[in-house]
């Protein structure tokens, strides 16, 4: 008989925290990098914190730093933001069932769905005695808290300690690589990872660095949807 999942939010946060430690270490650094970049535009550090609270878009926020340049038009902002975040359409499709069971909390879950949070929501093993909705909510809220904290630290550091921030935006790419390697080494189903890497490389070569994201995501989603039964059978056999 399946054990009934009971408990409050405190229990859910205690259970979720260990899973979010890699994101904590990553977000502390890349959030700090964002704060530094944002402050260099001449804005008060509180604006960096506010943006991380109400926008919270990770790579989208990095991109948004460049939107403050006078030559960037309104429609350019919309198009560039859409292209950077179009992958979230596919993230959302795969989480419809989980979010649908979360009631009003699903609104925050949709808002807080970043790459790293999506990775944890898919990979984390929920304890049998913790309600799923509270556990997933705790993961998402902790991750955003780390990002806001990093943004505040970076913005204040940028205001007090002047230094050259060139290349600091690579912190986001580095975090993606760390999460990918960690999931690969943890075992489990590796076919989706292989599909993702091969599709990305193929379309990067075919369409170039500015146009490969959307076709590669469509290819990945198609492979996972139509090959789902085969992938699950492989996973059951530990392949």
Protein backbone atom coordinates (compact mmCIF):
# COMPACT_ATOMS: atom_id res chain seq x y z
CA UNK A 1 0.00 0.00 0.00
CA UNK A 2 1.33 3.45 -0.92
CA UNK A 3 2.27 5.55 2.09
CA UNK A 4 0.07 8.63 2.50
CA UNK A 5 1.94 11.88 1.98
CA UNK A 6 1.27 14.32 4.78
CA UNK A 7 3.03 17.24 6.38
CA UNK A 8 3.36 21.00 6.26
CA UNK A 9 5.54 23.34 4.27
CA UNK A 10 8.38 23.21 6.81
CA UNK A 11 8.77 19.49 6.18
CA UNK A 12 8.62 20.04 2.43
CA UNK A 13 11.32 22.73 2.53
CA UNK A 14 13.59 20.51 4.64
CA UNK A 15 13.16 17.69 2.14
CA UNK A 16 13.67 19.95 -0.89
CA UNK A 17 16.71 21.88 0.33
CA UNK A 18 19.35 19.15 -0.26
CA UNK A 19 18.23 18.83 -3.88
CA UNK A 20 18.60 22.57 -4.42
CA UNK A 21 22.16 22.91 -3.08
CA UNK A 22 23.74 22.70 -6.59
CA UNK A 23 21.37 25.42 -7.77
CA UNK A 24 22.18 27.47 -4.66
CA UNK A 25 25.90 27.43 -5.40
CA UNK A 26 25.29 28.17 -9.08
CA UNK A 27 22.67 30.87 -8.61
CA UNK A 28 24.76 32.60 -5.99
CA UNK A 29 27.48 33.13 -8.58
CA UNK A 30 25.43 33.80 -11.71
CA UNK A 31 22.95 35.91 -9.76
CA UNK A 32 25.91 37.91 -8.49
CA UNK A 33 27.17 38.24 -12.06
CA UNK A 34 23.78 39.59 -13.14
CA UNK A 35 23.75 42.05 -10.26
CA UNK A 36 27.18 43.35 -11.23
CA UNK A 37 26.20 43.73 -14.90
CA UNK A 38 22.95 45.48 -13.99
CA UNK A 39 24.61 47.87 -11.57
CA UNK A 40 27.19 48.82 -14.20
CA UNK A 41 24.32 50.41 -16.15
CA UNK A 42 24.04 52.94 -13.32
CA UNK A 43 20.96 51.60 -11.54
CA UNK A 44 20.50 51.33 -7.79
CA UNK A 45 21.05 47.80 -6.44
CA UNK A 46 17.40 47.64 -5.35
CA UNK A 47 16.33 47.57 -9.00
CA UNK A 48 18.37 44.40 -9.55
CA UNK A 49 16.61 42.76 -6.59
CA UNK A 50 13.21 43.96 -7.80
CA UNK A 51 13.83 42.64 -11.31
CA UNK A 52 14.84 39.24 -9.97
CA UNK A 53 11.65 39.11 -7.93
CA UNK A 54 9.14 40.09 -10.62
CA UNK A 55 10.91 38.96 -13.84
CA UNK A 56 13.13 36.07 -12.73
CA UNK A 57 14.17 34.90 -16.17
CA UNK A 58 17.78 33.79 -15.75
CA UNK A 59 19.35 34.11 -19.18
CA UNK A 60 16.50 36.45 -20.12
CA UNK A 61 17.65 38.88 -17.45
CA UNK A 62 21.20 38.73 -18.78
CA UNK A 63 19.80 39.63 -22.17
CA UNK A 64 17.62 42.37 -20.69
CA UNK A 65 20.69 44.22 -19.43
CA UNK A 66 21.42 45.11 -23.06
CA UNK A 67 17.88 46.40 -23.61
CA UNK A 68 18.71 49.59 -21.76
CA UNK A 69 20.82 50.72 -24.70
CA UNK A 70 19.05 53.54 -26.64
CA UNK A 71 19.25 51.77 -30.02
CA UNK A 72 17.24 48.70 -28.92
CA UNK A 73 13.64 48.98 -30.10
CA UNK A 74 10.48 47.69 -28.40
CA UNK A 75 9.76 44.98 -30.97
CA UNK A 76 13.40 43.91 -30.91
CA UNK A 77 13.06 43.34 -27.16
CA UNK A 78 9.95 41.22 -27.64
CA UNK A 79 11.46 39.08 -30.38
CA UNK A 80 14.80 38.54 -28.63
CA UNK A 81 13.11 37.66 -25.34
CA UNK A 82 10.81 35.19 -27.09
CA UNK A 83 13.69 33.48 -28.89
CA UNK A 84 15.74 33.15 -25.71
CA UNK A 85 12.83 31.74 -23.69
CA UNK A 86 10.96 29.74 -26.33
CA UNK A 87 12.29 26.53 -24.78
CA UNK A 88 9.96 27.11 -21.82
CA UNK A 89 7.02 26.19 -24.03
CA UNK A 90 8.39 22.67 -24.19
CA UNK A 91 9.20 22.65 -20.47
CA UNK A 92 5.61 23.57 -19.68
CA UNK A 93 4.13 20.89 -21.91
CA UNK A 94 6.01 18.19 -20.03
CA UNK A 95 4.79 19.49 -16.64
CA UNK A 96 1.11 20.03 -17.43
CA UNK A 97 0.02 17.01 -15.41
CA UNK A 98 2.09 17.88 -12.32
CA UNK A 99 1.12 21.55 -12.28
CA UNK A 100 -2.51 20.71 -12.91
CA UNK A 101 -2.64 18.97 -9.53
CA UNK A 102 -1.22 21.94 -7.62
CA UNK A 103 -4.25 24.23 -7.46
CA UNK A 104 -3.48 27.94 -7.14
CA UNK A 105 0.22 27.20 -6.61
CA UNK A 106 0.46 26.32 -10.30
CA UNK A 107 0.47 30.05 -11.12
CA UNK A 108 3.70 30.55 -9.19
CA UNK A 109 5.15 27.33 -10.57
CA UNK A 110 4.60 28.59 -14.12
CA UNK A 111 6.23 31.93 -13.27
CA UNK A 112 9.23 30.35 -11.52
CA UNK A 113 10.06 27.70 -14.13
CA UNK A 114 13.72 28.23 -14.98
CA UNK A 115 16.10 25.74 -16.61
CA UNK A 116 17.59 24.66 -13.29
CA UNK A 117 14.24 24.40 -11.52
CA UNK A 118 12.84 22.37 -14.40
CA UNK A 119 15.79 20.02 -14.10
CA UNK A 120 15.12 19.48 -10.40
CA UNK A 121 11.36 19.07 -10.83
CA UNK A 122 12.00 16.29 -13.33
CA UNK A 123 14.87 14.54 -11.58
CA UNK A 124 14.26 14.91 -7.84
CA UNK A 125 12.88 11.91 -5.98
CA UNK A 126 10.05 13.12 -3.78
CA UNK A 127 10.06 11.51 -0.30
CA UNK A 128 7.08 9.23 0.22
CA UNK A 129 5.88 11.14 3.29
CA UNK A 130 5.98 14.63 1.69
CA UNK A 131 3.09 15.96 -0.46
CA UNK A 132 4.19 16.37 -4.07
CA UNK A 133 2.71 19.83 -4.53
CA UNK A 134 4.41 21.24 -1.45
CA UNK A 135 7.74 19.65 -2.36
CA UNK A 136 7.71 21.07 -5.90
CA UNK A 137 6.64 24.47 -4.59
CA UNK A 138 9.48 24.44 -2.07
CA UNK A 139 12.03 23.65 -4.79
CA UNK A 140 10.81 26.52 -6.96
CA UNK A 141 10.68 29.06 -4.12
CA UNK A 142 14.11 28.13 -2.79
CA UNK A 143 15.64 28.48 -6.24
CA UNK A 144 14.19 31.95 -6.74
CA UNK A 145 15.37 32.95 -3.27
CA UNK A 146 18.92 31.98 -4.22
CA UNK A 147 18.70 34.03 -7.42
CA UNK A 148 17.38 37.12 -5.60
CA UNK A 149 20.12 36.79 -2.98
CA UNK A 150 22.82 36.52 -5.62
CA UNK A 151 21.43 39.52 -7.50
CA UNK A 152 21.49 41.63 -4.34
CA UNK A 153 25.05 40.61 -3.49
CA UNK A 154 26.27 41.32 -7.03
CA UNK A 155 24.57 44.70 -7.30
CA UNK A 156 25.92 45.85 -3.93
CA UNK A 157 29.40 44.52 -4.71
CA UNK A 158 29.38 46.27 -8.08
CA UNK A 159 28.48 49.53 -6.40
CA UNK A 160 31.14 49.27 -3.69
CA UNK A 161 33.99 47.43 -5.45
CA UNK A 162 34.65 48.59 -9.03
CA UNK A 163 36.16 45.88 -11.26
CA UNK A 164 36.19 44.69 -14.86
CA UNK A 165 33.13 42.47 -15.45
CA UNK A 166 34.06 41.38 -18.97
CA UNK A 167 33.22 37.69 -19.55
CA UNK A 168 31.26 37.37 -16.31
CA UNK A 169 28.13 36.33 -18.24
CA UNK A 170 29.78 32.94 -18.95
CA UNK A 171 28.72 31.95 -15.42
CA UNK A 172 25.28 31.03 -16.81
CA UNK A 173 26.75 28.65 -19.39
CA UNK A 174 29.00 27.10 -16.76
CA UNK A 175 26.01 26.35 -14.52
CA UNK A 176 24.17 24.58 -17.35
CA UNK A 177 27.22 22.39 -17.95
CA UNK A 178 27.56 21.49 -14.27
CA UNK A 179 23.90 20.45 -14.00
CA UNK A 180 24.13 18.37 -17.18
CA UNK A 181 27.26 16.55 -15.98
CA UNK A 182 25.74 15.92 -12.55
CA UNK A 183 22.60 14.38 -14.06
CA UNK A 184 24.66 12.28 -16.46
CA UNK A 185 26.86 10.89 -13.68
CA UNK A 186 23.83 10.13 -11.50
CA UNK A 187 22.81 7.43 -14.00
CA UNK A 188 19.23 6.70 -14.95
CA UNK A 189 17.81 7.35 -18.40
CA UNK A 190 20.55 8.85 -20.56
CA UNK A 191 18.79 8.55 -23.91
CA UNK A 192 17.06 11.98 -23.53
CA UNK A 193 20.44 13.58 -22.80
CA UNK A 194 21.98 11.98 -25.89
CA UNK A 195 19.04 13.12 -28.02
CA UNK A 196 19.41 16.64 -26.66
CA UNK A 197 23.14 16.86 -27.33
CA UNK A 198 22.99 15.37 -30.82
CA UNK A 199 20.01 17.50 -31.87
CA UNK A 200 21.62 20.67 -30.58
CA UNK A 201 24.93 20.01 -32.32
CA UNK A 202 23.21 19.05 -35.58
CA UNK A 203 21.01 22.16 -35.76
CA UNK A 204 23.80 24.40 -34.54
CA UNK A 205 25.86 23.30 -37.52
CA UNK A 206 22.90 23.55 -39.88
CA UNK A 207 21.38 26.90 -38.84
CA UNK A 208 24.16 28.74 -37.00
CA UNK A 209 24.31 30.04 -33.45
CA UNK A 210 21.47 32.57 -33.84
CA UNK A 211 18.80 30.25 -35.25
CA UNK A 212 19.33 26.75 -33.86
CA UNK A 213 17.39 26.88 -30.56
CA UNK A 214 13.82 26.57 -31.86
CA UNK A 215 14.39 23.77 -34.44
CA UNK A 216 16.54 21.79 -32.00
CA UNK A 217 13.88 22.04 -29.27
CA UNK A 218 11.17 20.91 -31.72
CA UNK A 219 13.33 17.95 -32.74
CA UNK A 220 14.04 17.01 -29.11
CA UNK A 221 10.37 17.22 -28.16
CA UNK A 222 9.32 15.12 -31.18
CA UNK A 223 11.90 12.44 -30.38
CA UNK A 224 10.84 12.28 -26.73
CA UNK A 225 7.11 12.21 -27.49
CA UNK A 226 7.19 9.60 -30.24
CA UNK A 227 9.95 7.56 -28.63
CA UNK A 228 8.59 7.70 -25.09
CA UNK A 229 7.65 4.02 -24.79
CA UNK A 230 11.02 2.89 -26.10
CA UNK A 231 12.91 5.22 -23.75
CA UNK A 232 10.89 4.05 -20.73
CA UNK A 233 11.57 0.39 -21.58
CA UNK A 234 15.28 1.12 -21.83
CA UNK A 235 15.15 2.89 -18.49
CA UNK A 236 13.44 -0.06 -16.80
CA UNK A 237 16.26 -2.30 -18.00
CA UNK A 238 18.82 0.22 -16.71
CA UNK A 239 20.20 0.97 -20.14
